[in-house]
Protein backbone atom coordinates (compact mmCIF):
# COMPACT_ATOMS: atom_id res chain seq x y z
CA UNK A 1 67.55 51.18 112.31
CA UNK A 2 65.11 50.50 109.51
CA UNK A 3 61.43 49.89 109.83
CA UNK A 4 59.45 47.61 107.53
CA UNK A 5 57.20 49.41 105.10
CA UNK A 6 53.53 48.89 105.45
CA UNK A 7 51.51 47.44 102.64
CA UNK A 8 51.20 50.91 101.08
CA UNK A 9 53.80 53.62 101.30
CA UNK A 10 52.65 57.01 102.68
CA UNK A 11 53.34 58.74 99.36
CA UNK A 12 51.54 56.14 97.24
CA UNK A 13 48.62 57.56 95.27
CA UNK A 14 45.14 56.55 96.39
CA UNK A 15 42.77 55.62 93.61
CA UNK A 16 39.53 56.38 95.45
CA UNK A 17 40.58 59.53 97.30
CA UNK A 18 37.68 61.47 95.77
CA UNK A 19 34.95 59.40 97.44
CA UNK A 20 34.87 61.08 100.86
CA UNK A 21 34.98 64.68 99.54
CA UNK A 22 32.34 63.81 96.95
CA UNK A 23 30.00 62.25 99.52
CA UNK A 24 30.58 65.23 101.79
CA UNK A 25 29.75 67.61 98.95
CA UNK A 26 26.49 65.76 98.28
CA UNK A 27 25.48 66.31 101.91
CA UNK A 28 27.10 69.65 102.80
CA UNK A 29 26.06 71.84 99.88
CA UNK A 30 22.28 71.14 99.94
CA UNK A 31 22.28 71.24 103.74
CA UNK A 32 24.09 74.59 103.77
CA UNK A 33 21.73 75.99 101.15
CA UNK A 34 18.65 74.90 103.12
CA UNK A 35 20.05 76.31 106.37
CA UNK A 36 20.94 79.62 104.71
CA UNK A 37 17.55 80.02 103.00
CA UNK A 38 15.60 79.06 106.14
CA UNK A 39 17.58 81.45 108.31
CA UNK A 40 17.28 84.23 105.74
CA UNK A 41 13.50 83.90 105.63
CA UNK A 42 13.18 83.59 109.39
CA UNK A 43 13.93 87.30 109.73
CA UNK A 44 10.23 87.84 109.01
CA UNK A 45 9.19 85.98 112.17
CA UNK A 46 8.76 89.20 114.11
CA UNK A 47 7.09 91.43 111.53
CA UNK A 48 3.99 91.89 113.68
CA UNK A 49 5.75 92.14 117.07
CA UNK A 50 5.49 95.14 119.36
CA UNK A 51 8.45 97.48 119.59
CA UNK A 52 10.31 95.95 122.56
CA UNK A 53 10.06 92.37 121.28
CA UNK A 54 11.00 93.50 117.81
CA UNK A 55 14.12 95.30 119.07
CA UNK A 56 15.24 92.23 121.04
CA UNK A 57 14.59 89.97 118.06
CA UNK A 58 16.43 92.16 115.57
CA UNK A 59 19.47 92.56 117.79
CA UNK A 60 19.73 88.83 118.48
CA UNK A 61 18.96 87.95 114.85
CA UNK A 62 21.86 90.06 113.61
CA UNK A 63 24.28 88.24 115.89
CA UNK A 64 22.85 84.80 115.07
CA UNK A 65 22.86 85.44 111.33
CA UNK A 66 26.48 86.63 111.43
CA UNK A 67 27.48 83.50 113.35
CA UNK A 68 25.62 81.34 110.82
CA UNK A 69 27.35 82.98 107.87
CA UNK A 70 30.78 82.58 109.47
CA UNK A 71 30.22 78.91 110.29
CA UNK A 72 28.81 78.19 106.82
CA UNK A 73 31.85 79.85 105.28
CA UNK A 74 34.06 77.76 107.52
CA UNK A 75 32.26 74.57 106.49
CA UNK A 76 32.75 75.42 102.82
CA UNK A 77 36.45 76.11 103.47
CA UNK A 78 36.78 72.73 105.21
CA UNK A 79 35.02 71.05 102.28
CA UNK A 80 37.36 72.76 99.85
CA UNK A 81 40.35 71.67 101.93
CA UNK A 82 39.17 68.06 101.77
CA UNK A 83 39.15 68.32 97.97
CA UNK A 84 42.52 70.05 97.67
CA UNK A 85 44.60 67.76 99.87
CA UNK A 86 47.07 65.71 97.81
CA UNK A 87 45.59 62.35 96.84
CA UNK A 88 48.18 60.32 98.71
CA UNK A 89 47.88 57.58 101.33
CA UNK A 90 49.43 59.90 103.88
CA UNK A 91 46.47 62.32 103.76
CA UNK A 92 43.64 59.76 103.62
CA UNK A 93 42.75 60.13 107.30
CA UNK A 94 42.90 63.91 107.23
CA UNK A 95 40.75 64.01 104.09
CA UNK A 96 38.16 61.77 105.75
CA UNK A 97 38.06 63.89 108.92
CA UNK A 98 37.63 67.11 106.92
CA UNK A 99 34.92 65.51 104.79
CA UNK A 100 32.98 64.48 107.90
CA UNK A 101 33.55 67.81 109.63
CA UNK A 102 32.03 69.92 106.81
CA UNK A 103 28.37 68.82 107.19
CA UNK A 104 28.77 68.72 110.97
CA UNK A 105 29.75 72.40 110.89
CA UNK A 106 26.58 73.23 108.94
CA UNK A 107 24.45 71.56 111.62
CA UNK A 108 26.43 73.27 114.39
CA UNK A 109 25.96 76.65 112.70
CA UNK A 110 22.22 76.11 112.36
CA UNK A 111 21.87 75.06 115.99
CA UNK A 112 23.90 78.08 117.11
CA UNK A 113 21.65 80.35 115.04
CA UNK A 114 18.52 78.83 116.57
CA UNK A 115 19.89 79.21 120.10
CA UNK A 116 21.22 82.76 119.67
CA UNK A 117 18.05 84.30 118.25
CA UNK A 118 15.53 85.57 120.80
CA UNK A 119 12.41 84.27 119.05
CA UNK A 120 9.10 86.03 119.66
CA UNK A 121 6.49 84.08 121.61
CA UNK A 122 4.16 82.16 119.36
CA UNK A 123 0.48 82.35 119.75
């Protein structure tokens, strides 16, 4: 039994396959840089804390910062995968999903960092 071909064959090259990875790069890279710099500088939030609060903060900060670095690395790997997929009709949906997932992972990593760190009380 034969099936009719769609308007475009799955192996046909796509002329604008670069648009979704490019747009994702314009969002993901600055967002990841801002998240990384903010989280790196936030280690100074408990410089004037007493010993017990400082110990809690440093222990939770180490875990949160490691999680952030892993998720940022994962988002960059997903962004790279969206660029390196073959530029064929067959992979258009996968490329789009990966391109959308990359900046979402940066936001997820930042939120995880904020929730994992035991911040000192302000005031």
